Every structure is written in structure tokens, then in C-alpha cells.
Amino acid sequence: MAYTLPPDVDQRPVAVIGAGTLGARITMMFAAGGSDVRIVNRSRERAEAAKRFADEQAPAVRAQLGLTAERSGVVEITGSVDDGVAGAWLVIESVSEQLDLKRRVFGDLDRLADADALLATNSSSYPSSQMLDNVQRPERVLNTHFLMPPMFNAVELMSSGRTDEGVIPALIERLPVYGLSPYHVLRESVGFIFNRIWAAIKREALMVVEEGVTSPAEVDRIWNETLGTPAGPFRLMDQVGLDVVLDIEEHYAEIRDGIPEGPRTLLREYIGRGDLGVKSGRGFYDDYPG
């Protein structure tokens, strides 16, 4: 029998493992849609920052997206994975893009989460099929790749190849409650749908700056004027975090021939100075709060 959502899904929390840029935004979206959310993170300071962000932004997002839940969900910080995942119907991993780490995390989640809980990875480049080494119940594991909510609310859903056939349809029906737009990736794809296209744009933007053709601000200015978007490639990379952008590029270089070195060289220069983007107060731009 295909998977269906638990009947008490509205009374159960969502757990988010990792409180970085996207972990905080994922937390905010589920809270805005009315679900209680538990944050698990090694750094208490980072977890508290994610909670503040979600608590402050959720009411505005509820209004912006016209969400109908009676209240924003309560965001809690928990001290351990055990406490964080207990009772959750959905557990979303959003830790660093390191495959060995993700494999360890999914082994723990599979052991500790409720039997009917879904286990999802927000990985931007690794398929969930590569995270199953320590998982006993792979039928509940999948990719849920969030872009940058609430600006970009797409969520790409991709099977591990062993995901129960009912999981993705259930999430396609459920996620709009939180103002999210689900997209079904029909076969395993490193980079999913959007990121494969975005990676080529991002890489060429980095190349023209690394080659001295222009500056990050000029790339963004011509991008915004031509396409009418609020943020260009370099502003978006600052929001994601340049260390994360580099991790993704390194992974593409490992699995695909012909990936140029220049974009990674430029990213390493910024990271070597400690300029990671919004999270460090300075990246390609220097107008972020400290």
C-alpha cells in the first residue's frame, strides 16, 4: 500500500537539522504555514539566530503568501537529534554539503525518527540515493530541494530510487499549505531541474569577473535591467553563502568533465579572506549588517 500522510499531521511538528541560511528559511516557511518546528544545530548561537529570523519573518510571510493557518507555528531549539525528531512527521536535513556527514546524519535519523516520519535532504547537489548506507527504511527517504524562500518558493522533489511511490504525491498535495510550490523531478539528476540551469549561469557570471571582464555589481545591474529581477547572480550567491556555492561547484567538477577552474579560484579568494556573503557581513557586496 502506497504511503499516505499520517492522520495527525496537523498536530505534529517538522524537524529541521541544520540552522544555516536555508535551514532558517525552511523553518520560517513551515512556521508561517502553521506547523510547529524544531531546530537541531551544533551551534546554539546559530540555532538562536535561525529561530529569531523565523519568528520575526513568519507573520509577514503569512500575509505576503496569503496562508490560511490560524497561527504561526512555534519554533523551538532542541539540544539533540533525539529530542528534535521525536514525534515529527517530516525531518529535513540541511547540513553542510559533505556526503559522509549526510550519510551519518541519515543513519541517525532513520534510527531515531518515528516509523512513519519522512526523511528529506535539502542537499543542492547530492541525490538521496547516495545517503542510504546506514538507512534501514529507505522507502521514506527523498530529496526536497528548497531554493530561497520566500523569494523563490519552489521545492524540487526527487526519489532516491527506493522511495515509496506515495511519498512524492503526498508532499505535492501538502506543501502548498506552507506557500511552497512542489516540482517532481522524474528521474535522478545531480542538480535537479533549476540548479542544473542555474549552475551554468552562475559559473559564467563568475568567469566574466574572474577574467576581469567586469565586476559583480555590473553583472547584477545588467541582469536586473534585462530580466527585471530583484536580485542578480552575485547578490543571490551572497545570500546562499560563498562557501556553499564553492562546495556545489567542487561537486560538479568531480562528476562532470570540462568544469572550468576559474569560478572556483575566484570563490576561494573570497572565502580565504573570510568573505562568505550575508552570513559573514561581506561577500561580493559589503553592505550587509555585521
C-alpha atoms as a PDB file:
ATOM      1  CA  MET A   1       0.000   0.000   0.000  1.00  0.00           C
ATOM      2  CA  ALA A   2       1.395   3.390  -1.012  1.00  0.00           C
ATOM      3  CA  TYR A   3       2.384   5.930   1.622  1.00  0.00           C
ATOM      4  CA  THR A   4      -0.180   8.451   2.863  1.00  0.00           C
ATOM      5  CA  LEU A   5       0.330  11.336   5.280  1.00  0.00           C
ATOM      6  CA  PRO A   6      -0.330  10.491   8.946  1.00  0.00           C
ATOM      7  CA  PRO A   7      -3.879  11.451  10.035  1.00  0.00           C
ATOM      8  CA  ASP A   8      -2.457  13.633  12.831  1.00  0.00           C
ATOM      9  CA  VAL A   9      -0.059  15.575  10.555  1.00  0.00           C
ATOM     10  CA  ASP A  10      -1.527  18.933  11.658  1.00  0.00           C
ATOM     11  CA  GLN A  11      -0.696  18.203  15.282  1.00  0.00           C
ATOM     12  CA  ARG A  12       2.886  17.052  14.691  1.00  0.00           C
ATOM     13  CA  PRO A  13       5.997  19.201  14.250  1.00  0.00           C
ATOM     14  CA  VAL A  14       8.519  19.429  11.458  1.00  0.00           C
ATOM     15  CA  ALA A  15      12.183  18.973  12.429  1.00  0.00           C
ATOM     16  CA  VAL A  16      14.968  20.871  10.641  1.00  0.00           C
ATOM     17  CA  ILE A  17      18.502  19.561  11.104  1.00  0.00           C
ATOM     18  CA  GLY A  18      20.867  22.457  10.453  1.00  0.00           C
ATOM     19  CA  ALA A  19      20.294  26.163  11.068  1.00  0.00           C
ATOM     20  CA  GLY A  20      22.245  27.777   8.248  1.00  0.00           C
ATOM     21  CA  THR A  21      20.808  30.171   5.679  1.00  0.00           C
ATOM     22  CA  LEU A  22      18.396  27.665   4.164  1.00  0.00           C
ATOM     23  CA  GLY A  23      17.680  25.864   7.418  1.00  0.00           C
ATOM     24  CA  ALA A  24      16.412  29.145   8.844  1.00  0.00           C
ATOM     25  CA  ARG A  25      14.293  29.845   5.770  1.00  0.00           C
ATOM     26  CA  ILE A  26      12.821  26.344   5.708  1.00  0.00           C
ATOM     27  CA  THR A  27      11.941  26.752   9.384  1.00  0.00           C
ATOM     28  CA  MET A  28      10.264  30.075   8.638  1.00  0.00           C
ATOM     29  CA  MET A  29       8.122  28.660   5.822  1.00  0.00           C
ATOM     30  CA  PHE A  30       6.771  25.740   7.844  1.00  0.00           C
ATOM     31  CA  ALA A  31       6.135  28.009  10.838  1.00  0.00           C
ATOM     32  CA  ALA A  32       4.350  30.519   8.588  1.00  0.00           C
ATOM     33  CA  GLY A  33       2.101  27.711   7.377  1.00  0.00           C
ATOM     34  CA  GLY A  34       1.107  26.801  10.930  1.00  0.00           C
ATOM     35  CA  SER A  35       3.394  23.866  11.801  1.00  0.00           C
ATOM     36  CA  ASP A  36       5.485  23.846  14.939  1.00  0.00           C
ATOM     37  CA  VAL A  37       9.144  23.449  14.046  1.00  0.00           C
ATOM     38  CA  ARG A  38      12.121  22.110  15.988  1.00  0.00           C
ATOM     39  CA  ILE A  39      15.615  23.245  15.069  1.00  0.00           C
ATOM     40  CA  VAL A  40      18.615  20.999  15.746  1.00  0.00           C
ATOM     41  CA  ASN A  41      22.066  22.533  15.303  1.00  0.00           C
ATOM     42  CA  ARG A  42      25.508  22.038  16.840  1.00  0.00           C
ATOM     43  CA  SER A  43      25.909  25.788  17.412  1.00  0.00           C
ATOM     44  CA  ARG A  44      23.364  27.151  19.887  1.00  0.00           C
ATOM     45  CA  GLU A  45      24.135  30.661  18.653  1.00  0.00           C
ATOM     46  CA  ARG A  46      23.327  29.732  15.048  1.00  0.00           C
ATOM     47  CA  ALA A  47      20.126  27.958  16.135  1.00  0.00           C
ATOM     48  CA  GLU A  48      19.003  31.012  18.103  1.00  0.00           C
ATOM     49  CA  ALA A  49      19.661  33.244  15.090  1.00  0.00           C
ATOM     50  CA  ALA A  50      17.549  30.927  12.915  1.00  0.00           C
ATOM     51  CA  LYS A  51      14.733  30.985  15.466  1.00  0.00           C
ATOM     52  CA  ARG A  52      14.808  34.802  15.644  1.00  0.00           C
ATOM     53  CA  PHE A  53      14.696  35.001  11.865  1.00  0.00           C
ATOM     54  CA  ALA A  54      11.740  32.618  11.611  1.00  0.00           C
ATOM     55  CA  ASP A  55       9.809  34.269  14.455  1.00  0.00           C
ATOM     56  CA  GLU A  56      10.328  37.746  13.012  1.00  0.00           C
ATOM     57  CA  GLN A  57       9.603  36.908   9.379  1.00  0.00           C
ATOM     58  CA  ALA A  58       6.800  34.334   9.609  1.00  0.00           C
ATOM     59  CA  PRO A  59       3.920  36.808  10.195  1.00  0.00           C
ATOM     60  CA  ALA A  60       4.907  38.906   7.162  1.00  0.00           C
ATOM     61  CA  VAL A  61       5.301  35.787   5.019  1.00  0.00           C
ATOM     62  CA  ARG A  62       1.857  34.577   6.104  1.00  0.00           C
ATOM     63  CA  ALA A  63       0.372  37.852   4.876  1.00  0.00           C
ATOM     64  CA  GLN A  64       2.521  38.010   1.731  1.00  0.00           C
ATOM     65  CA  LEU A  65       1.594  34.496   0.594  1.00  0.00           C
ATOM     66  CA  GLY A  66      -1.995  34.530   1.863  1.00  0.00           C
ATOM     67  CA  LEU A  67      -1.521  31.481   4.082  1.00  0.00           C
ATOM     68  CA  THR A  68      -4.664  30.369   5.868  1.00  0.00           C
ATOM     69  CA  ALA A  69      -3.394  28.707   9.068  1.00  0.00           C
ATOM     70  CA  GLU A  70      -4.880  30.285  12.187  1.00  0.00           C
ATOM     71  CA  ARG A  71      -1.450  30.979  13.681  1.00  0.00           C
ATOM     72  CA  SER A  72       2.240  30.748  13.003  1.00  0.00           C
ATOM     73  CA  GLY A  73       3.833  27.607  14.372  1.00  0.00           C
ATOM     74  CA  VAL A  74       6.004  27.661  17.470  1.00  0.00           C
ATOM     75  CA  VAL A  75       9.736  27.378  16.747  1.00  0.00           C
ATOM     76  CA  GLU A  76      11.806  25.520  19.342  1.00  0.00           C
ATOM     77  CA  ILE A  77      15.512  24.792  19.667  1.00  0.00           C
ATOM     78  CA  THR A  78      16.334  21.293  20.846  1.00  0.00           C
ATOM     79  CA  GLY A  79      19.630  20.133  22.266  1.00  0.00           C
ATOM     80  CA  SER A  80      19.837  16.794  20.489  1.00  0.00           C
ATOM     81  CA  VAL A  81      18.655  14.978  17.403  1.00  0.00           C
ATOM     82  CA  ASP A  82      16.756  12.552  19.658  1.00  0.00           C
ATOM     83  CA  ASP A  83      14.612  15.329  21.118  1.00  0.00           C
ATOM     84  CA  GLY A  84      14.303  17.181  17.826  1.00  0.00           C
ATOM     85  CA  VAL A  85      12.876  14.366  15.715  1.00  0.00           C
ATOM     86  CA  ALA A  86      10.609  12.708  18.299  1.00  0.00           C
ATOM     87  CA  GLY A  87       7.034  12.973  17.048  1.00  0.00           C
ATOM     88  CA  ALA A  88       7.922  14.843  13.836  1.00  0.00           C
ATOM     89  CA  TRP A  89       6.076  13.826  10.660  1.00  0.00           C
ATOM     90  CA  LEU A  90       8.786  15.342   8.440  1.00  0.00           C
ATOM     91  CA  VAL A  91      12.518  15.667   9.157  1.00  0.00           C
ATOM     92  CA  ILE A  92      14.558  17.858   6.803  1.00  0.00           C
ATOM     93  CA  GLU A  93      18.348  17.606   6.769  1.00  0.00           C
ATOM     94  CA  SER A  94      20.037  20.897   5.857  1.00  0.00           C
ATOM     95  CA  VAL A  95      23.640  20.412   6.981  1.00  0.00           C
ATOM     96  CA  SER A  96      26.859  21.120   5.057  1.00  0.00           C
ATOM     97  CA  GLU A  97      27.296  19.649   1.570  1.00  0.00           C
ATOM     98  CA  GLN A  98      29.570  16.851   2.795  1.00  0.00           C
ATOM     99  CA  LEU A  99      28.394  13.413   1.747  1.00  0.00           C
ATOM    100  CA  ASP A 100      29.997  11.486   4.623  1.00  0.00           C
ATOM    101  CA  LEU A 101      28.320  13.820   7.104  1.00  0.00           C
ATOM    102  CA  LYS A 102      24.949  13.420   5.429  1.00  0.00           C
ATOM    103  CA  ARG A 103      25.281   9.632   5.469  1.00  0.00           C
ATOM    104  CA  ARG A 104      25.936   9.702   9.219  1.00  0.00           C
ATOM    105  CA  VAL A 105      23.030  12.074   9.796  1.00  0.00           C
ATOM    106  CA  PHE A 106      20.600   9.890   7.857  1.00  0.00           C
ATOM    107  CA  GLY A 107      21.691   6.824   9.762  1.00  0.00           C
ATOM    108  CA  ASP A 108      20.846   8.646  12.987  1.00  0.00           C
ATOM    109  CA  LEU A 109      17.562   9.988  11.645  1.00  0.00           C
ATOM    110  CA  ASP A 110      16.440   6.578  10.432  1.00  0.00           C
ATOM    111  CA  ARG A 111      17.164   5.116  13.860  1.00  0.00           C
ATOM    112  CA  LEU A 112      15.604   7.911  15.934  1.00  0.00           C
ATOM    113  CA  ALA A 113      12.633   9.264  13.966  1.00  0.00           C
ATOM    114  CA  ASP A 114       9.114   7.907  14.281  1.00  0.00           C
ATOM    115  CA  ALA A 115       8.419   4.959  11.984  1.00  0.00           C
ATOM    116  CA  ASP A 116       6.009   6.981   9.811  1.00  0.00           C
ATOM    117  CA  ALA A 117       8.211  10.089   9.548  1.00  0.00           C
ATOM    118  CA  LEU A 118       9.546  11.172   6.169  1.00  0.00           C
ATOM    119  CA  LEU A 119      13.290  11.849   5.990  1.00  0.00           C
ATOM    120  CA  ALA A 120      14.258  14.502   3.458  1.00  0.00           C
ATOM    121  CA  THR A 121      17.525  16.062   2.404  1.00  0.00           C
ATOM    122  CA  ASN A 122      17.787  19.661   1.246  1.00  0.00           C
ATOM    123  CA  SER A 123      21.068  18.856  -0.497  1.00  0.00           C
ATOM    124  CA  SER A 124      21.580  21.086  -3.518  1.00  0.00           C
ATOM    125  CA  SER A 125      23.779  18.636  -5.404  1.00  0.00           C
ATOM    126  CA  TYR A 126      23.762  15.112  -3.883  1.00  0.00           C
ATOM    127  CA  PRO A 127      20.967  12.645  -4.714  1.00  0.00           C
ATOM    128  CA  SER A 128      19.449  10.974  -1.677  1.00  0.00           C
ATOM    129  CA  SER A 129      20.350   7.602  -3.216  1.00  0.00           C
ATOM    130  CA  GLN A 130      23.921   8.322  -2.066  1.00  0.00           C
ATOM    131  CA  MET A 131      22.870   8.799   1.582  1.00  0.00           C
ATOM    132  CA  LEU A 132      21.331   5.395   2.283  1.00  0.00           C
ATOM    133  CA  ASP A 133      24.386   3.451   3.515  1.00  0.00           C
ATOM    134  CA  ASN A 134      23.190   3.415   7.145  1.00  0.00           C
ATOM    135  CA  VAL A 135      19.440   3.582   6.485  1.00  0.00           C
ATOM    136  CA  GLN A 136      17.218   0.574   7.183  1.00  0.00           C
ATOM    137  CA  ARG A 137      13.988   2.075   5.790  1.00  0.00           C
ATOM    138  CA  PRO A 138      14.954   3.786   2.518  1.00  0.00           C
ATOM    139  CA  GLU A 139      11.346   3.927   1.343  1.00  0.00           C
ATOM    140  CA  ARG A 140      10.824   7.095   3.385  1.00  0.00           C
ATOM    141  CA  VAL A 141      13.912   8.991   2.186  1.00  0.00           C
ATOM    142  CA  LEU A 142      13.886  11.558  -0.627  1.00  0.00           C
ATOM    143  CA  ASN A 143      15.312  14.878  -1.806  1.00  0.00           C
ATOM    144  CA  THR A 144      13.350  18.036  -1.033  1.00  0.00           C
ATOM    145  CA  HIS A 145      15.461  20.797  -2.538  1.00  0.00           C
ATOM    146  CA  PHE A 146      14.329  24.263  -1.443  1.00  0.00           C
ATOM    147  CA  LEU A 147      15.517  27.264  -3.442  1.00  0.00           C
ATOM    148  CA  MET A 148      15.471  30.547  -1.462  1.00  0.00           C
ATOM    149  CA  PRO A 149      12.075  31.079   0.162  1.00  0.00           C
ATOM    150  CA  PRO A 150      10.139  33.303   0.476  1.00  0.00           C
ATOM    151  CA  MET A 151      11.579  34.943  -2.674  1.00  0.00           C
ATOM    152  CA  PHE A 152      11.709  31.658  -4.596  1.00  0.00           C
ATOM    153  CA  ASN A 153       9.297  29.086  -3.197  1.00  0.00           C
ATOM    154  CA  ALA A 154       9.926  26.131  -5.493  1.00  0.00           C
ATOM    155  CA  VAL A 155      10.737  22.781  -3.855  1.00  0.00           C
ATOM    156  CA  GLU A 156      12.126  20.048  -6.107  1.00  0.00           C
ATOM    157  CA  LEU A 157      11.089  16.550  -5.031  1.00  0.00           C
ATOM    158  CA  MET A 158      13.235  13.624  -6.188  1.00  0.00           C
ATOM    159  CA  SER A 159      13.036   9.946  -5.306  1.00  0.00           C
ATOM    160  CA  SER A 160      16.070   8.067  -4.036  1.00  0.00           C
ATOM    161  CA  GLY A 161      15.072   5.281  -6.411  1.00  0.00           C
ATOM    162  CA  ARG A 162      13.715   3.390  -3.422  1.00  0.00           C
ATOM    163  CA  THR A 163      11.240   5.994  -2.161  1.00  0.00           C
ATOM    164  CA  ASP A 164       7.697   4.756  -1.620  1.00  0.00           C
ATOM    165  CA  GLU A 165       5.597   5.683  -4.660  1.00  0.00           C
ATOM    166  CA  GLY A 166       3.083   7.556  -2.480  1.00  0.00           C
ATOM    167  CA  VAL A 167       5.552   9.916  -0.807  1.00  0.00           C
ATOM    168  CA  ILE A 168       6.034  12.483  -3.562  1.00  0.00           C
ATOM    169  CA  PRO A 169       2.307  12.762  -4.462  1.00  0.00           C
ATOM    170  CA  ALA A 170       1.535  13.244  -0.748  1.00  0.00           C
ATOM    171  CA  LEU A 171       4.061  16.076  -0.486  1.00  0.00           C
ATOM    172  CA  ILE A 172       2.881  17.659  -3.733  1.00  0.00           C
ATOM    173  CA  GLU A 173      -0.549  17.912  -2.127  1.00  0.00           C
ATOM    174  CA  ARG A 174       0.712  19.048   1.296  1.00  0.00           C
ATOM    175  CA  LEU A 175       3.489  21.584   0.632  1.00  0.00           C
ATOM    176  CA  PRO A 176       1.276  24.352  -0.819  1.00  0.00           C
ATOM    177  CA  VAL A 177      -0.196  24.711   2.703  1.00  0.00           C
ATOM    178  CA  TYR A 178       3.130  26.357   3.551  1.00  0.00           C
ATOM    179  CA  GLY A 179       3.249  28.597   0.481  1.00  0.00           C
ATOM    180  CA  LEU A 180       5.650  26.230  -1.293  1.00  0.00           C
ATOM    181  CA  SER A 181       5.449  25.134  -4.938  1.00  0.00           C
ATOM    182  CA  PRO A 182       6.469  21.476  -5.429  1.00  0.00           C
ATOM    183  CA  TYR A 183       8.064  20.188  -8.635  1.00  0.00           C
ATOM    184  CA  HIS A 184       8.541  16.491  -9.368  1.00  0.00           C
ATOM    185  CA  VAL A 185      11.988  15.522 -10.699  1.00  0.00           C
ATOM    186  CA  LEU A 186      11.094  12.473 -12.765  1.00  0.00           C
ATOM    187  CA  ARG A 187      14.496  10.764 -12.730  1.00  0.00           C
ATOM    188  CA  GLU A 188      17.662  11.097 -10.690  1.00  0.00           C
ATOM    189  CA  SER A 189      19.505  14.264 -11.686  1.00  0.00           C
ATOM    190  CA  VAL A 190      22.535  15.812  -9.961  1.00  0.00           C
ATOM    191  CA  GLY A 191      21.416  19.422  -9.650  1.00  0.00           C
ATOM    192  CA  PHE A 192      17.723  18.584 -10.087  1.00  0.00           C
ATOM    193  CA  ILE A 193      15.952  20.913 -12.553  1.00  0.00           C
ATOM    194  CA  PHE A 194      16.607  24.517 -11.623  1.00  0.00           C
ATOM    195  CA  ASN A 195      20.116  24.131 -10.243  1.00  0.00           C
ATOM    196  CA  ARG A 196      21.413  22.482 -13.408  1.00  0.00           C
ATOM    197  CA  ILE A 197      20.317  25.535 -15.370  1.00  0.00           C
ATOM    198  CA  TRP A 198      21.332  27.978 -12.623  1.00  0.00           C
ATOM    199  CA  ALA A 199      24.790  26.382 -12.285  1.00  0.00           C
ATOM    200  CA  ALA A 200      25.626  27.265 -15.875  1.00  0.00           C
ATOM    201  CA  ILE A 201      24.503  30.882 -15.385  1.00  0.00           C
ATOM    202  CA  LYS A 202      26.318  31.199 -12.051  1.00  0.00           C
ATOM    203  CA  ARG A 203      29.511  29.657 -13.445  1.00  0.00           C
ATOM    204  CA  GLU A 204      29.626  32.017 -16.426  1.00  0.00           C
ATOM    205  CA  ALA A 205      28.925  35.025 -14.177  1.00  0.00           C
ATOM    206  CA  LEU A 206      31.883  34.032 -12.010  1.00  0.00           C
ATOM    207  CA  MET A 207      34.027  33.532 -15.119  1.00  0.00           C
ATOM    208  CA  VAL A 208      33.496  37.036 -16.513  1.00  0.00           C
ATOM    209  CA  VAL A 209      34.519  38.537 -13.168  1.00  0.00           C
ATOM    210  CA  GLU A 210      37.493  36.177 -12.653  1.00  0.00           C
ATOM    211  CA  GLU A 211      38.727  37.079 -16.167  1.00  0.00           C
ATOM    212  CA  GLY A 212      38.487  40.805 -15.394  1.00  0.00           C
ATOM    213  CA  VAL A 213      35.737  41.445 -17.946  1.00  0.00           C
ATOM    214  CA  THR A 214      33.510  43.250 -15.454  1.00  0.00           C
ATOM    215  CA  SER A 215      32.557  43.495 -11.762  1.00  0.00           C
ATOM    216  CA  PRO A 216      29.961  41.633  -9.684  1.00  0.00           C
ATOM    217  CA  ALA A 217      27.844  44.777  -9.371  1.00  0.00           C
ATOM    218  CA  GLU A 218      27.830  45.361 -13.131  1.00  0.00           C
ATOM    219  CA  VAL A 219      26.833  41.748 -13.822  1.00  0.00           C
ATOM    220  CA  ASP A 220      23.914  42.121 -11.420  1.00  0.00           C
ATOM    221  CA  ARG A 221      22.927  45.507 -12.847  1.00  0.00           C
ATOM    222  CA  ILE A 222      22.717  44.296 -16.443  1.00  0.00           C
ATOM    223  CA  TRP A 223      20.986  41.089 -15.287  1.00  0.00           C
ATOM    224  CA  ASN A 224      18.349  43.004 -13.321  1.00  0.00           C
ATOM    225  CA  GLU A 225      17.739  45.568 -16.052  1.00  0.00           C
ATOM    226  CA  THR A 226      17.471  42.964 -18.794  1.00  0.00           C
ATOM    227  CA  LEU A 227      15.356  40.375 -16.960  1.00  0.00           C
ATOM    228  CA  GLY A 228      13.531  42.607 -14.476  1.00  0.00           C
ATOM    229  CA  THR A 229      14.536  40.521 -11.460  1.00  0.00           C
ATOM    230  CA  PRO A 230      15.095  41.968  -7.971  1.00  0.00           C
ATOM    231  CA  ALA A 231      18.469  40.245  -7.426  1.00  0.00           C
ATOM    232  CA  GLY A 232      21.283  39.260  -9.755  1.00  0.00           C
ATOM    233  CA  PRO A 233      23.595  36.237  -9.636  1.00  0.00           C
ATOM    234  CA  PHE A 234      26.181  37.734  -7.270  1.00  0.00           C
ATOM    235  CA  ARG A 235      23.639  39.067  -4.791  1.00  0.00           C
ATOM    236  CA  LEU A 236      21.983  35.639  -4.775  1.00  0.00           C
ATOM    237  CA  MET A 237      25.314  33.853  -4.245  1.00  0.00           C
ATOM    238  CA  ASP A 238      25.984  36.125  -1.269  1.00  0.00           C
ATOM    239  CA  GLN A 239      22.638  35.092   0.201  1.00  0.00           C
ATOM    240  CA  VAL A 240      23.335  31.389  -0.219  1.00  0.00           C
ATOM    241  CA  GLY A 241      26.898  31.675   1.150  1.00  0.00           C
ATOM    242  CA  LEU A 242      30.038  31.561  -0.981  1.00  0.00           C
ATOM    243  CA  ASP A 243      31.345  28.524   0.897  1.00  0.00           C
ATOM    244  CA  VAL A 244      28.175  26.638  -0.067  1.00  0.00           C
ATOM    245  CA  VAL A 245      28.471  27.831  -3.667  1.00  0.00           C
ATOM    246  CA  LEU A 246      32.052  26.531  -3.768  1.00  0.00           C
ATOM    247  CA  ASP A 247      31.057  23.161  -2.282  1.00  0.00           C
ATOM    248  CA  ILE A 248      28.481  22.768  -5.045  1.00  0.00           C
ATOM    249  CA  GLU A 249      30.946  23.716  -7.761  1.00  0.00           C
ATOM    250  CA  GLU A 250      33.545  21.298  -6.380  1.00  0.00           C
ATOM    251  CA  HIS A 251      30.980  18.506  -6.527  1.00  0.00           C
ATOM    252  CA  TYR A 252      30.046  19.284 -10.131  1.00  0.00           C
ATOM    253  CA  ALA A 253      33.764  19.289 -11.024  1.00  0.00           C
ATOM    254  CA  GLU A 254      34.129  15.811  -9.509  1.00  0.00           C
ATOM    255  CA  ILE A 255      31.332  14.252 -11.537  1.00  0.00           C
ATOM    256  CA  ARG A 256      31.383  16.167 -14.835  1.00  0.00           C
ATOM    257  CA  ASP A 257      34.132  16.740 -17.361  1.00  0.00           C
ATOM    258  CA  GLY A 258      35.014  20.221 -18.562  1.00  0.00           C
ATOM    259  CA  ILE A 259      34.029  22.278 -15.498  1.00  0.00           C
ATOM    260  CA  PRO A 260      36.337  25.344 -15.605  1.00  0.00           C
ATOM    261  CA  GLU A 261      38.622  26.160 -12.682  1.00  0.00           C
ATOM    262  CA  GLY A 262      38.252  29.964 -12.836  1.00  0.00           C
ATOM    263  CA  PRO A 263      34.944  30.245 -10.933  1.00  0.00           C
ATOM    264  CA  ARG A 264      36.292  28.104  -8.090  1.00  0.00           C
ATOM    265  CA  THR A 265      39.515  30.144  -7.988  1.00  0.00           C
ATOM    266  CA  LEU A 266      37.516  33.349  -7.559  1.00  0.00           C
ATOM    267  CA  LEU A 267      35.329  31.825  -4.840  1.00  0.00           C
ATOM    268  CA  ARG A 268      38.399  30.568  -2.949  1.00  0.00           C
ATOM    269  CA  GLU A 269      39.855  34.087  -2.936  1.00  0.00           C
ATOM    270  CA  TYR A 270      36.773  35.500  -1.231  1.00  0.00           C
ATOM    271  CA  ILE A 271      36.462  32.600   1.197  1.00  0.00           C
ATOM    272  CA  GLY A 272      40.168  32.856   2.064  1.00  0.00           C
ATOM    273  CA  ARG A 273      39.533  36.434   3.224  1.00  0.00           C
ATOM    274  CA  GLY A 274      36.566  35.291   5.305  1.00  0.00           C
ATOM    275  CA  ASP A 275      34.095  36.948   2.921  1.00  0.00           C
ATOM    276  CA  LEU A 276      31.264  34.406   2.803  1.00  0.00           C
ATOM    277  CA  GLY A 277      28.370  36.684   1.915  1.00  0.00           C
ATOM    278  CA  VAL A 278      25.442  37.725   4.086  1.00  0.00           C
ATOM    279  CA  LYS A 279      26.349  35.349   6.909  1.00  0.00           C
ATOM    280  CA  SER A 280      29.765  36.965   7.434  1.00  0.00           C
ATOM    281  CA  GLY A 281      28.646  40.524   6.672  1.00  0.00           C
ATOM    282  CA  ARG A 282      30.671  40.746   3.466  1.00  0.00           C
ATOM    283  CA  GLY A 283      30.939  38.826   0.207  1.00  0.00           C
ATOM    284  CA  PHE A 284      30.740  40.130  -3.339  1.00  0.00           C
ATOM    285  CA  TYR A 285      28.961  43.044  -1.646  1.00  0.00           C
ATOM    286  CA  ASP A 286      29.908  44.730   1.616  1.00  0.00           C
ATOM    287  CA  ASP A 287      26.578  46.353   2.561  1.00  0.00           C
ATOM    288  CA  TYR A 288      25.295  43.630   4.906  1.00  0.00           C
ATOM    289  CA  PRO A 289      24.846  44.052   8.665  1.00  0.00           C
ATOM    290  CA  GLY A 290      27.818  42.733  10.608  1.00  0.00           C
END
